[in-house]
Amino acid sequence: MHSRNATSRLARLALTAGLTIFAGALVTLPAAAAEAAVSTERATSAKPLTARLLDRAQLRTRPGGRIVTTLDTLTEYGSPRVLSVVARRGRWLGVLSESMPNGRAGWIPAAAAELRRPRYGLELDRSERLLTVRRDGRVTRRIRVAVGKASTATPVGLYAVTDVLRIAGGSAAYGCCALPITGHAPNVPPDRNRLGIHGTSAEGTIGSAASAGCMRGRSADMRWLVGRIPAGTPLRIRA
């Protein structure tokens, strides 16, 4: 997994303070689910997959449907774009992307990507403020985090890590490192609502509901995470 220093880009993307990790699995939609966009919460669990983009690909609302955007092979942070696959239909892959609303998958041509099986999965128990990390299905670490306060609660659902960022010199808002995810915070302006798992200078808030939707972790835990968790890792957030 490629990572890079991105303090200025983090400020521009404005990840809200917090920490999140996703322990979702590959989900395959029932045959009857053929609506314009897949609801990730109605999919059934299966073995997870990730898709690393080999070529630019149009992200669509459904197979052959309306184009939402064109995905480059690199993210805006310069990382290789690796997407979590949540559905398959013929020549199409249903994937999680920050360009889609929470709870909806977009579709890309399968030929544009290389499929792999991720070894890690993440799950956040929002009420317990506890992030569980699994490797090959086995729990390897549990991490106490801060989550969104009541007015900007961390949204439940299925998401995925998009980048692994180490921040040169650290930052007051994001600490040493950050894992941006595909989700968006509620009740936050669109230009500042991207969610992530990141460090913080306010470690006293960890274990409480204190952020604008993101998940905050201690520096030691965040360094452990960015050393292991790759882009495309699924994250499920439960109430």
Protein backbone atom coordinates (compact mmCIF):
# COMPACT_ATOMS: atom_id res chain seq x y z
CA MET A 1 0.00 0.00 0.00
CA HIS A 2 1.44 3.36 -1.03
CA SER A 3 1.26 6.15 1.56
CA ARG A 4 2.47 9.77 1.53
CA ASN A 5 2.69 12.91 3.62
CA ALA A 6 -0.46 14.90 3.00
CA THR A 7 -0.97 17.61 5.60
CA SER A 8 -2.12 20.23 3.10
CA ARG A 9 -4.42 17.81 1.32
CA LEU A 10 -5.87 16.69 4.61
CA ALA A 11 -6.68 20.28 5.45
CA ARG A 12 -8.33 20.72 2.08
CA LEU A 13 -10.37 17.54 2.42
CA ALA A 14 -11.12 18.47 6.04
CA LEU A 15 -11.56 15.07 7.62
CA THR A 16 -13.62 15.56 10.78
CA ALA A 17 -11.82 14.55 13.99
CA GLY A 18 -12.29 10.87 14.84
CA LEU A 19 -11.45 7.20 14.28
CA THR A 20 -13.20 4.46 12.30
CA ILE A 21 -12.40 0.97 11.08
CA PHE A 22 -14.37 -1.42 8.90
CA ALA A 23 -14.86 -5.12 9.33
CA GLY A 24 -17.28 -5.66 6.49
CA ALA A 25 -17.09 -8.58 4.13
CA LEU A 26 -17.61 -8.91 0.42
CA VAL A 27 -21.33 -8.83 -0.08
CA THR A 28 -23.15 -10.37 -3.00
CA LEU A 29 -26.56 -9.00 -3.78
CA PRO A 30 -29.56 -11.29 -4.05
CA ALA A 31 -30.56 -11.83 -7.66
CA ALA A 32 -33.74 -9.82 -7.16
CA ALA A 33 -31.83 -6.70 -6.09
CA ALA A 34 -31.44 -4.90 -9.40
CA GLU A 35 -32.25 -1.29 -8.49
CA ALA A 36 -30.28 1.66 -9.84
CA ALA A 37 -27.80 1.58 -6.96
CA VAL A 38 -27.00 -1.26 -4.61
CA SER A 39 -27.97 -0.81 -0.98
CA THR A 40 -24.94 -2.22 0.82
CA GLU A 41 -26.95 -2.95 3.95
CA ARG A 42 -29.26 -5.36 2.08
CA ALA A 43 -26.44 -7.43 0.67
CA THR A 44 -25.52 -10.81 2.07
CA SER A 45 -22.08 -11.61 3.47
CA ALA A 46 -19.51 -13.54 1.44
CA LYS A 47 -15.73 -13.60 1.20
CA PRO A 48 -14.32 -10.08 0.79
CA LEU A 49 -12.60 -8.79 -2.34
CA THR A 50 -10.80 -5.62 -3.28
CA ALA A 51 -10.36 -4.16 -6.77
CA ARG A 52 -7.20 -2.24 -7.65
CA LEU A 53 -7.86 -0.02 -10.64
CA LEU A 54 -5.59 -0.74 -13.61
CA ASP A 55 -7.16 1.87 -15.88
CA ARG A 56 -9.40 4.90 -15.46
CA ALA A 57 -12.97 3.71 -15.00
CA GLN A 58 -16.38 5.33 -15.10
CA LEU A 59 -18.32 4.90 -11.87
CA ARG A 60 -22.01 4.34 -12.59
CA THR A 61 -25.20 4.19 -10.57
CA ARG A 62 -25.87 0.68 -11.91
CA PRO A 63 -24.33 -1.62 -14.55
CA GLY A 64 -24.43 0.42 -17.76
CA GLY A 65 -26.30 3.21 -15.96
CA ARG A 66 -25.74 6.91 -15.40
CA ILE A 67 -22.13 8.00 -14.97
CA VAL A 68 -21.39 9.49 -11.55
CA THR A 69 -17.72 10.29 -12.12
CA THR A 70 -14.55 8.93 -13.69
CA LEU A 71 -12.17 7.29 -11.24
CA ASP A 72 -8.43 7.69 -11.80
CA THR A 73 -5.98 4.94 -10.93
CA LEU A 74 -4.63 7.19 -8.15
CA THR A 75 -6.64 8.87 -5.39
CA GLU A 76 -6.47 12.60 -4.74
CA TYR A 77 -3.72 11.81 -2.22
CA GLY A 78 -1.66 9.97 -4.82
CA SER A 79 -2.29 6.47 -3.50
CA PRO A 80 -3.14 3.58 -5.85
CA ARG A 81 -6.93 3.39 -5.95
CA VAL A 82 -8.11 0.18 -4.28
CA LEU A 83 -11.87 -0.28 -3.90
CA SER A 84 -13.84 -2.61 -1.66
CA VAL A 85 -16.06 -4.89 -3.76
CA VAL A 86 -19.56 -5.40 -2.36
CA ALA A 87 -21.38 -6.97 -5.32
CA ARG A 88 -20.85 -8.56 -8.74
CA ARG A 89 -23.16 -8.73 -11.71
CA GLY A 90 -21.87 -10.12 -14.97
CA ARG A 91 -19.03 -7.91 -16.24
CA TRP A 92 -19.63 -5.35 -13.49
CA LEU A 93 -18.37 -4.85 -9.94
CA GLY A 94 -20.33 -3.03 -7.24
CA VAL A 95 -17.79 -1.03 -5.23
CA LEU A 96 -17.66 1.43 -2.33
CA SER A 97 -16.53 4.93 -3.26
CA GLU A 98 -16.49 8.34 -1.61
CA SER A 99 -18.27 9.58 -4.75
CA MET A 100 -21.42 7.67 -3.74
CA PRO A 101 -23.85 8.44 -0.88
CA ASN A 102 -23.51 6.48 2.35
CA GLY A 103 -25.04 3.03 1.99
CA ARG A 104 -24.87 2.93 -1.81
CA ALA A 105 -22.42 1.19 -4.09
CA GLY A 106 -21.32 2.37 -7.51
CA TRP A 107 -20.47 0.13 -10.47
CA ILE A 108 -17.29 -0.20 -12.53
CA PRO A 109 -16.31 -2.61 -15.35
CA ALA A 110 -14.57 -5.66 -13.91
CA ALA A 111 -12.01 -5.50 -16.73
CA ALA A 112 -10.63 -2.23 -15.32
CA ALA A 113 -9.50 -3.80 -12.05
CA GLU A 114 -7.36 -6.50 -10.50
CA LEU A 115 -9.16 -8.47 -7.81
CA ARG A 116 -7.54 -9.53 -4.55
CA ARG A 117 -8.63 -10.88 -1.19
CA PRO A 118 -7.95 -8.52 1.72
CA ARG A 119 -6.48 -9.98 4.88
CA TYR A 120 -7.79 -7.29 7.24
CA GLY A 121 -11.27 -6.22 8.24
CA LEU A 122 -12.41 -3.49 10.64
CA GLU A 123 -15.52 -3.05 12.75
CA LEU A 124 -16.53 -0.13 14.95
CA ASP A 125 -19.00 -0.58 17.81
CA ARG A 126 -20.17 3.01 18.09
CA SER A 127 -21.88 2.69 21.47
CA GLU A 128 -18.81 1.03 23.00
CA ARG A 129 -16.40 3.38 21.13
CA LEU A 130 -14.39 0.30 20.28
CA LEU A 131 -12.67 -0.53 17.01
CA THR A 132 -11.93 -4.20 16.34
CA VAL A 133 -9.23 -5.23 13.87
CA ARG A 134 -9.30 -8.70 12.35
CA ARG A 135 -6.61 -10.40 10.27
CA ASP A 136 -7.68 -13.49 8.37
CA GLY A 137 -10.83 -13.49 10.49
CA ARG A 138 -9.02 -13.47 13.84
CA VAL A 139 -9.10 -10.51 16.23
CA THR A 140 -5.64 -8.95 16.44
CA ARG A 141 -6.38 -5.69 18.27
CA ARG A 142 -9.16 -3.72 19.91
CA ILE A 143 -8.74 0.05 19.97
CA ARG A 144 -10.61 2.63 22.05
CA VAL A 145 -11.68 5.61 19.92
CA ALA A 146 -13.72 8.79 20.02
CA VAL A 147 -16.82 8.96 17.81
CA GLY A 148 -19.24 11.63 16.61
CA LYS A 149 -21.28 13.63 19.08
CA ALA A 150 -25.09 13.39 19.02
CA SER A 151 -25.61 16.16 16.44
CA THR A 152 -23.04 14.66 14.06
CA ALA A 153 -23.18 10.99 15.02
CA THR A 154 -20.81 8.66 13.21
CA PRO A 155 -23.11 7.02 10.63
CA VAL A 156 -23.61 3.26 10.78
CA GLY A 157 -23.12 1.15 7.68
CA LEU A 158 -20.52 -0.38 5.42
CA TYR A 159 -17.49 1.68 4.31
CA ALA A 160 -13.90 1.14 3.21
CA VAL A 161 -10.49 2.72 3.72
CA THR A 162 -9.41 4.77 0.69
CA ASP A 163 -5.90 5.92 1.69
CA VAL A 164 -3.18 5.40 4.26
CA LEU A 165 -1.63 8.74 5.22
CA ARG A 166 1.33 9.65 7.42
CA ILE A 167 1.37 13.34 8.25
CA ALA A 168 4.79 14.99 8.36
CA GLY A 169 5.27 16.67 11.71
CA GLY A 170 1.75 15.71 12.78
CA SER A 171 -1.19 18.10 13.04
CA ALA A 172 -3.45 19.31 15.84
CA ALA A 173 -6.55 17.99 14.10
CA TYR A 174 -5.29 14.71 12.64
CA GLY A 175 -2.25 13.78 14.68
CA CYS A 176 0.38 11.55 13.12
CA CYS A 177 -1.73 9.73 10.61
CA ALA A 178 -5.10 9.20 9.00
CA LEU A 179 -7.17 6.57 7.23
CA PRO A 180 -9.76 8.38 5.09
CA ILE A 181 -12.84 6.26 4.41
CA THR A 182 -15.64 6.31 1.85
CA GLY A 183 -18.29 7.70 4.20
CA HIS A 184 -19.67 11.20 4.77
CA ALA A 185 -20.62 12.81 8.07
CA PRO A 186 -24.22 13.95 8.60
CA ASN A 187 -25.10 17.59 9.30
CA VAL A 188 -21.69 18.81 8.10
CA PRO A 189 -21.15 21.04 5.02
CA PRO A 190 -20.39 18.93 1.91
CA ASP A 191 -16.91 20.41 1.50
CA ARG A 192 -15.95 19.22 5.01
CA ASN A 193 -17.97 16.04 5.55
CA ARG A 194 -15.53 13.31 4.49
CA LEU A 195 -15.04 10.78 7.27
CA GLY A 196 -11.84 9.19 8.45
CA ILE A 197 -9.96 7.42 11.20
CA HIS A 198 -7.17 9.63 12.48
CA GLY A 199 -5.07 10.80 15.37
CA THR A 200 -5.70 13.87 17.49
CA SER A 201 -3.96 16.27 19.85
CA ALA A 202 -7.00 15.97 22.17
CA GLU A 203 -6.43 12.40 23.31
CA GLY A 204 -8.51 13.09 26.40
CA THR A 205 -11.64 12.86 24.23
CA ILE A 206 -10.91 9.28 23.22
CA GLY A 207 -13.62 6.96 24.47
CA SER A 208 -16.28 9.68 24.25
CA ALA A 209 -18.72 11.05 21.66
CA ALA A 210 -16.87 14.25 20.82
CA SER A 211 -16.15 14.58 17.10
CA ALA A 212 -18.02 15.86 14.06
CA GLY A 213 -18.37 12.28 12.84
CA CYS A 214 -14.86 10.93 12.43
CA MET A 215 -13.09 8.50 14.72
CA ARG A 216 -10.10 9.59 16.80
CA GLY A 217 -7.40 7.27 18.05
CA ARG A 218 -4.26 7.59 20.14
CA SER A 219 -1.01 8.14 18.27
CA ALA A 220 0.37 4.72 19.18
CA ASP A 221 -2.77 2.99 17.90
CA MET A 222 -2.83 5.05 14.72
CA ARG A 223 0.80 4.25 13.94
CA TRP A 224 -0.01 0.59 14.44
CA LEU A 225 -2.97 0.88 12.07
CA VAL A 226 -1.21 2.72 9.23
CA GLY A 227 1.57 0.15 9.39
CA ARG A 228 -0.88 -2.67 8.66
CA ILE A 229 -4.20 -1.57 7.21
CA PRO A 230 -4.18 -1.14 3.39
CA ALA A 231 -6.54 0.79 1.16
CA GLY A 232 -9.65 -1.18 0.28
CA THR A 233 -9.98 -2.63 3.79
CA PRO A 234 -13.69 -2.89 4.63
CA LEU A 235 -15.08 -1.13 7.70
CA ARG A 236 -18.47 -1.82 9.22
CA ILE A 237 -19.85 0.67 11.73
CA ARG A 238 -22.52 -0.63 14.08
CA ALA A 239 -24.68 1.32 16.49
